[in-house]
Amino acid sequence: MAEEVEAAEAVEAVEAAPVKAFQNHLVPVLGFSLLQTAEKDFVLSPSVNLQYIRVKTPGVESHQPDAVVISGGYSQNYFTAGLGPDSVKRLHNISLMGNLSFGKNSFVGMLSSGGEVPFSSINTVSGALMYMRQLVDNEHIAFSLGGGIMVGDFGIKIKDFNIYVLPLPVFNFSYTNDYFYGSIGMTGMPGINITLFPKAMFRLNGMLSTAGFKSARDITFDCSLAYYPLLKTSAKDFLSFSAGVSNSVTSYKLKDKKSYGYQFYSVYGQINASLVNLKAGYNFDGKKLADGEAVGDMYKGLFASVQAMYMF
């Protein structure tokens, strides 16, 4: 009898315990990638990112934002053979982002800088302020529309004046059912994502976007077949294996305002265990780029990346 009374009191204590109005999380993310650019030359890119997420508990009334996301990241590109005529060895990249959500309204701010010395000039800095409102959100369709401004060195001139501020259209439309998921959106450059059989054990994924408008090689894509072996267990989508083909474009800007980079097609394999993501493949038919123009063939070689995260 005494045990029953204690159990009943414990239940009452749990039920009477105050519900937290907000849930707070910290999410550190570590990454490393490797791209082979010659027989003995590589681009090595370590990265670290930290996110703070504050989300309102469902059913709680509050005048504070429903969600707050703040993140900051740092990455480095190390060129074993140097980059450009001065053989620059290291480039540094810093990024900051903030997101406030009130009901159907979202406000986003982004700031980033990359180069030999980040934030050394307007040429190395880019940023954006955006507002988006969710207009439709039901079982099958979601549609958001908004706009903002972006700041940076876009290489645009009107007569003798450089244009550093441009309007930024923002929209996202998605449709989903048991057999198809598709979305089209634009935050600067347009992008399309498609998944066939999004709830099946085998899924076909496709992504299409663009890194510029100078040639067909600027059209980036990623097509893959993914297998989810734990779908029928409680783990669901926790683990997946993928194989695919892609076209990627990288760009690195130096302090002399010239940009260098690589465009390459690749075949790859990927293991995604949610908290850890491993990807590796072989690149081919690539080009070396200078200011977005092809200036030579890229070495056929390997690339690999690993990313690990955890939520506290």
Protein backbone atom coordinates (compact mmCIF):
# COMPACT_ATOMS: atom_id res chain seq x y z
CA MET A 1 0.00 0.00 0.00
CA ALA A 2 2.79 2.40 0.90
CA GLU A 3 4.49 1.69 -2.45
CA GLU A 4 1.25 2.51 -4.30
CA VAL A 5 0.97 5.81 -2.42
CA GLU A 6 4.58 6.69 -3.25
CA ALA A 7 4.00 5.87 -6.93
CA ALA A 8 0.87 8.02 -7.02
CA GLU A 9 2.72 10.91 -5.38
CA ALA A 10 5.55 10.59 -7.93
CA VAL A 11 3.08 10.76 -10.81
CA GLU A 12 1.38 13.81 -9.29
CA ALA A 13 4.78 15.49 -8.86
CA VAL A 14 5.65 14.90 -12.53
CA GLU A 15 2.28 16.19 -13.68
CA ALA A 16 2.59 19.25 -11.46
CA ALA A 17 6.14 20.02 -12.58
CA PRO A 18 6.25 23.24 -14.61
CA VAL A 19 6.63 22.82 -18.36
CA LYS A 20 9.66 24.59 -19.76
CA ALA A 21 8.57 27.37 -22.09
CA PHE A 22 11.66 26.98 -24.27
CA GLN A 23 14.13 24.26 -25.17
CA ASN A 24 17.76 25.30 -25.59
CA HIS A 25 20.36 23.37 -27.57
CA LEU A 26 23.99 23.71 -28.58
CA VAL A 27 25.08 21.94 -31.77
CA PRO A 28 28.83 21.75 -32.52
CA VAL A 29 29.78 20.55 -36.00
CA LEU A 30 33.29 19.50 -37.05
CA GLY A 31 34.30 18.83 -40.64
CA PHE A 32 37.25 18.04 -42.88
CA SER A 33 37.47 17.73 -46.65
CA LEU A 34 40.20 16.86 -49.15
CA LEU A 35 40.36 17.60 -52.87
CA GLN A 36 43.19 16.27 -55.06
CA THR A 37 44.26 18.88 -57.65
CA ALA A 38 47.48 17.22 -58.92
CA GLU A 39 49.34 13.97 -58.35
CA LYS A 40 50.88 15.24 -55.11
CA ASP A 41 48.82 18.40 -54.52
CA PHE A 42 45.70 18.77 -52.42
CA VAL A 43 43.28 21.33 -50.97
CA LEU A 44 42.78 20.50 -47.28
CA SER A 45 39.79 22.15 -45.59
CA PRO A 46 39.10 21.76 -41.85
CA SER A 47 36.01 23.49 -40.45
CA VAL A 48 34.15 24.09 -37.20
CA ASN A 49 30.66 25.48 -36.60
CA LEU A 50 28.64 26.12 -33.46
CA GLN A 51 24.87 26.60 -33.43
CA TYR A 52 22.65 27.82 -30.60
CA ILE A 53 18.98 26.85 -31.00
CA ARG A 54 16.14 28.09 -28.79
CA VAL A 55 12.70 26.69 -29.63
CA LYS A 56 9.36 27.35 -27.95
CA THR A 57 7.66 24.27 -26.50
CA PRO A 58 4.46 23.43 -28.43
CA GLY A 59 1.32 24.66 -26.64
CA VAL A 60 3.15 27.32 -24.59
CA GLU A 61 1.99 30.92 -24.99
CA SER A 62 4.76 33.53 -25.10
CA HIS A 63 5.45 36.91 -26.65
CA GLN A 64 9.04 35.87 -27.34
CA PRO A 65 10.16 34.48 -30.73
CA ASP A 66 9.00 30.95 -31.49
CA ALA A 67 12.53 30.03 -32.56
CA VAL A 68 15.99 31.61 -32.38
CA VAL A 69 18.99 30.21 -34.25
CA ILE A 70 22.46 31.74 -34.00
CA SER A 71 25.49 30.15 -35.61
CA GLY A 72 29.12 30.97 -36.22
CA GLY A 73 31.66 29.07 -38.24
CA TYR A 74 35.30 29.05 -39.26
CA SER A 75 37.00 27.09 -42.01
CA GLN A 76 40.40 27.09 -43.66
CA ASN A 77 41.58 26.09 -47.12
CA TYR A 78 45.18 24.91 -47.20
CA PHE A 79 46.77 24.55 -50.65
CA THR A 80 49.76 22.22 -50.54
CA ALA A 81 51.10 23.68 -53.83
CA GLY A 82 49.91 27.24 -53.26
CA LEU A 83 47.20 29.16 -55.12
CA GLY A 84 47.66 31.91 -57.71
CA PRO A 85 50.85 33.61 -58.90
CA ASP A 86 51.93 34.31 -55.29
CA SER A 87 51.40 30.67 -54.25
CA VAL A 88 49.10 31.57 -51.37
CA LYS A 89 49.02 28.67 -48.92
CA ARG A 90 46.07 29.49 -46.65
CA LEU A 91 42.68 31.14 -46.99
CA HIS A 92 40.41 31.75 -43.99
CA ASN A 93 36.60 31.82 -43.97
CA ILE A 94 34.36 33.19 -41.22
CA SER A 95 30.56 33.05 -41.28
CA LEU A 96 27.80 34.31 -38.95
CA MET A 97 24.05 33.73 -39.17
CA GLY A 98 20.98 34.63 -37.13
CA ASN A 99 17.34 33.62 -37.55
CA LEU A 100 14.27 34.84 -35.64
CA SER A 101 10.86 33.24 -36.22
CA PHE A 102 7.52 34.64 -35.04
CA GLY A 103 4.65 32.42 -36.15
CA LYS A 104 4.68 32.48 -39.95
CA ASN A 105 7.31 35.25 -40.13
CA SER A 106 11.07 34.75 -40.29
CA PHE A 107 13.93 37.26 -40.22
CA VAL A 108 17.38 36.14 -41.31
CA GLY A 109 20.74 37.89 -41.26
CA MET A 110 23.99 36.50 -42.69
CA LEU A 111 27.55 37.79 -42.78
CA SER A 112 30.63 36.04 -44.17
CA SER A 113 34.14 36.83 -45.26
CA GLY A 114 36.85 34.74 -46.88
CA GLY A 115 40.39 35.38 -48.04
CA GLU A 116 43.95 35.74 -46.88
CA VAL A 117 42.77 38.28 -44.29
CA PRO A 118 38.99 38.11 -43.64
CA PHE A 119 37.12 41.44 -43.33
CA SER A 120 40.12 43.29 -44.76
CA SER A 121 38.00 44.99 -47.45
CA ILE A 122 34.55 45.02 -49.06
CA ASN A 123 35.95 42.65 -51.68
CA THR A 124 36.20 39.87 -49.10
CA VAL A 125 32.83 40.46 -47.36
CA SER A 126 29.30 39.40 -48.24
CA GLY A 127 26.10 39.69 -46.26
CA ALA A 128 22.33 39.62 -46.49
CA LEU A 129 19.20 40.64 -44.58
CA MET A 130 15.98 38.82 -45.44
CA TYR A 131 12.34 38.57 -44.43
CA MET A 132 10.14 35.59 -45.33
CA ARG A 133 6.49 34.82 -44.63
CA GLN A 134 4.92 31.39 -44.83
CA LEU A 135 1.78 31.75 -46.96
CA VAL A 136 0.76 28.09 -47.33
CA ASP A 137 1.55 25.15 -45.06
CA ASN A 138 -0.51 21.97 -45.24
CA GLU A 139 -0.01 18.23 -45.59
CA HIS A 140 1.21 18.41 -49.18
CA ILE A 141 2.14 22.01 -50.05
CA ALA A 142 4.33 24.67 -48.43
CA PHE A 143 4.98 28.09 -49.91
CA SER A 144 6.98 31.01 -48.49
CA LEU A 145 7.71 34.39 -50.04
CA GLY A 146 9.91 37.27 -49.03
CA GLY A 147 12.79 39.51 -49.94
CA GLY A 148 15.77 41.44 -48.69
CA ILE A 149 19.08 42.97 -49.65
CA MET A 150 22.53 41.49 -50.17
CA VAL A 151 25.87 43.28 -49.86
CA GLY A 152 29.16 42.33 -51.47
CA ASP A 153 31.53 42.73 -54.36
CA PHE A 154 29.49 41.38 -57.28
CA GLY A 155 31.73 42.79 -60.02
CA ILE A 156 28.88 45.02 -61.24
CA LYS A 157 29.52 48.58 -62.37
CA ILE A 158 27.29 51.37 -63.64
CA LYS A 159 29.59 53.76 -65.46
CA ASP A 160 32.42 54.28 -62.95
CA PHE A 161 30.47 53.29 -59.84
CA ASN A 162 30.76 49.87 -58.24
CA ILE A 163 27.46 48.35 -57.11
CA TYR A 164 27.78 46.75 -53.69
CA VAL A 165 24.08 46.44 -52.73
CA LEU A 166 21.46 44.46 -54.64
CA PRO A 167 17.85 43.40 -53.97
CA LEU A 168 17.44 39.79 -52.91
CA PRO A 169 14.27 37.90 -53.92
CA VAL A 170 13.44 34.99 -51.62
CA PHE A 171 10.89 32.24 -52.14
CA ASN A 172 10.43 28.54 -51.53
CA PHE A 173 7.75 26.18 -52.82
CA SER A 174 7.54 22.49 -52.00
CA TYR A 175 5.13 19.65 -52.71
CA THR A 176 5.15 16.17 -51.20
CA ASN A 177 3.18 12.94 -51.20
CA ASP A 178 4.00 9.26 -50.61
CA TYR A 179 5.84 8.93 -53.93
CA PHE A 180 7.35 12.35 -54.65
CA TYR A 181 8.97 15.32 -52.93
CA GLY A 182 9.99 18.41 -54.85
CA SER A 183 11.03 21.94 -53.94
CA ILE A 184 12.12 25.01 -55.83
CA GLY A 185 13.54 28.03 -54.10
CA MET A 186 15.79 31.03 -54.45
CA THR A 187 18.00 32.85 -51.98
CA GLY A 188 20.34 34.51 -54.45
CA MET A 189 20.75 31.63 -56.90
CA PRO A 190 17.79 29.35 -57.75
CA GLY A 191 17.79 25.70 -56.72
CA ILE A 192 15.65 22.61 -57.28
CA ASN A 193 15.49 19.46 -55.12
CA ILE A 194 13.61 16.28 -56.01
CA THR A 195 13.19 12.93 -54.24
CA LEU A 196 11.34 9.98 -55.73
CA PHE A 197 9.76 7.56 -53.21
CA PRO A 198 10.65 9.72 -50.14
CA LYS A 199 9.22 7.15 -47.69
CA ALA A 200 10.67 4.04 -49.30
CA MET A 201 13.80 2.07 -48.38
CA PHE A 202 15.37 3.01 -51.76
CA ARG A 203 15.13 6.66 -52.83
CA LEU A 204 16.25 8.65 -55.86
CA ASN A 205 17.55 12.13 -54.99
CA GLY A 206 18.31 15.02 -57.33
CA MET A 207 19.59 18.57 -56.87
CA LEU A 208 20.08 21.27 -59.51
CA SER A 209 21.47 24.78 -59.08
CA THR A 210 23.97 27.16 -60.65
CA ALA A 211 27.26 28.74 -59.62
CA GLY A 212 27.14 31.32 -62.44
CA PHE A 213 25.96 31.97 -65.95
CA LYS A 214 29.12 31.83 -68.06
CA SER A 215 28.88 28.24 -69.36
CA ALA A 216 27.03 24.94 -68.99
CA ARG A 217 29.72 23.84 -66.51
CA ASP A 218 28.33 26.42 -64.06
CA ILE A 219 25.22 24.27 -63.64
CA THR A 220 25.79 22.24 -60.49
CA PHE A 221 23.91 19.02 -59.82
CA ASP A 222 23.87 15.97 -57.59
CA CYS A 223 21.98 12.75 -58.42
CA SER A 224 22.08 9.76 -56.10
CA LEU A 225 20.43 6.49 -55.12
CA ALA A 226 20.03 6.15 -51.36
CA TYR A 227 19.34 3.02 -49.28
CA TYR A 228 17.87 3.22 -45.73
CA PRO A 229 18.41 -0.22 -44.12
CA LEU A 230 16.83 0.71 -40.74
CA LEU A 231 13.61 2.17 -42.14
CA LYS A 232 11.40 -0.57 -40.66
CA THR A 233 12.94 -0.25 -37.20
CA SER A 234 12.63 2.50 -34.59
CA ALA A 235 15.80 4.11 -36.01
CA LYS A 236 13.93 4.93 -39.27
CA ASP A 237 16.13 7.32 -41.36
CA PHE A 238 19.09 7.33 -38.97
CA LEU A 239 21.39 5.46 -41.39
CA SER A 240 21.68 5.61 -45.17
CA PHE A 241 24.08 4.52 -47.90
CA SER A 242 24.24 6.48 -51.17
CA ALA A 243 25.98 6.35 -54.53
CA GLY A 244 25.79 9.19 -57.01
CA VAL A 245 27.23 11.56 -59.60
CA SER A 246 27.67 15.31 -59.24
CA ASN A 247 29.09 18.50 -60.72
CA SER A 248 30.79 20.85 -58.25
CA VAL A 249 32.30 24.33 -58.52
CA THR A 250 34.67 25.83 -55.94
CA SER A 251 35.91 29.42 -55.81
CA TYR A 252 38.62 31.15 -53.77
CA LYS A 253 39.14 34.93 -53.84
CA LEU A 254 42.56 36.51 -53.18
CA LYS A 255 43.36 40.02 -51.98
CA ASP A 256 44.23 41.14 -55.53
CA LYS A 257 40.48 40.59 -56.29
CA LYS A 258 41.22 37.66 -58.59
CA SER A 259 39.33 34.45 -57.92
CA TYR A 260 40.56 30.93 -58.59
CA GLY A 261 38.80 27.63 -58.33
CA TYR A 262 37.91 24.26 -59.77
CA GLN A 263 34.97 22.73 -61.58
CA PHE A 264 34.76 18.94 -61.65
CA TYR A 265 32.37 16.06 -62.26
CA SER A 266 32.55 13.17 -59.83
CA VAL A 267 31.22 9.76 -58.84
CA TYR A 268 30.98 9.11 -55.12
CA GLY A 269 29.77 6.94 -52.29
CA GLN A 270 28.33 8.26 -49.03
CA ILE A 271 27.46 6.92 -45.58
CA ASN A 272 25.19 9.11 -43.46
CA ALA A 273 24.64 8.06 -39.86
CA SER A 274 22.97 11.38 -38.91
CA LEU A 275 25.66 12.35 -36.38
CA VAL A 276 28.50 11.33 -38.72
CA ASN A 277 28.60 11.79 -42.49
CA LEU A 278 31.32 10.22 -44.67
CA LYS A 279 31.69 10.91 -48.41
CA ALA A 280 34.41 9.97 -50.89
CA GLY A 281 34.75 9.73 -54.64
CA TYR A 282 36.70 10.28 -57.85
CA ASN A 283 36.64 13.50 -59.87
CA PHE A 284 37.06 13.67 -63.66
CA ASP A 285 36.74 16.02 -66.66
CA GLY A 286 37.43 19.03 -64.46
CA LYS A 287 38.70 22.53 -65.23
CA LYS A 288 40.91 25.00 -63.45
CA LEU A 289 39.16 28.37 -63.14
CA ALA A 290 40.37 31.97 -62.98
CA ASP A 291 37.70 34.66 -62.53
CA GLY A 292 35.12 32.08 -63.54
CA GLU A 293 36.80 31.21 -66.85
CA ALA A 294 38.38 27.84 -67.65
CA VAL A 295 42.16 28.17 -67.92
CA GLY A 296 43.20 24.52 -68.09
CA ASP A 297 42.32 20.94 -67.30
CA MET A 298 42.06 19.74 -63.71
CA TYR A 299 43.85 16.61 -62.53
CA LYS A 300 41.69 13.49 -62.27
CA GLY A 301 41.89 12.50 -58.66
CA LEU A 302 40.18 11.83 -55.35
CA PHE A 303 38.06 13.82 -52.95
CA ALA A 304 36.73 12.98 -49.50
CA SER A 305 34.90 14.63 -46.62
CA VAL A 306 33.83 13.78 -43.08
CA GLN A 307 31.44 15.69 -40.82
CA ALA A 308 30.49 15.00 -37.22
CA MET A 309 27.90 16.75 -35.05
CA TYR A 310 26.18 16.41 -31.70
CA MET A 311 23.24 18.15 -30.04
CA PHE A 312 23.45 19.11 -26.35
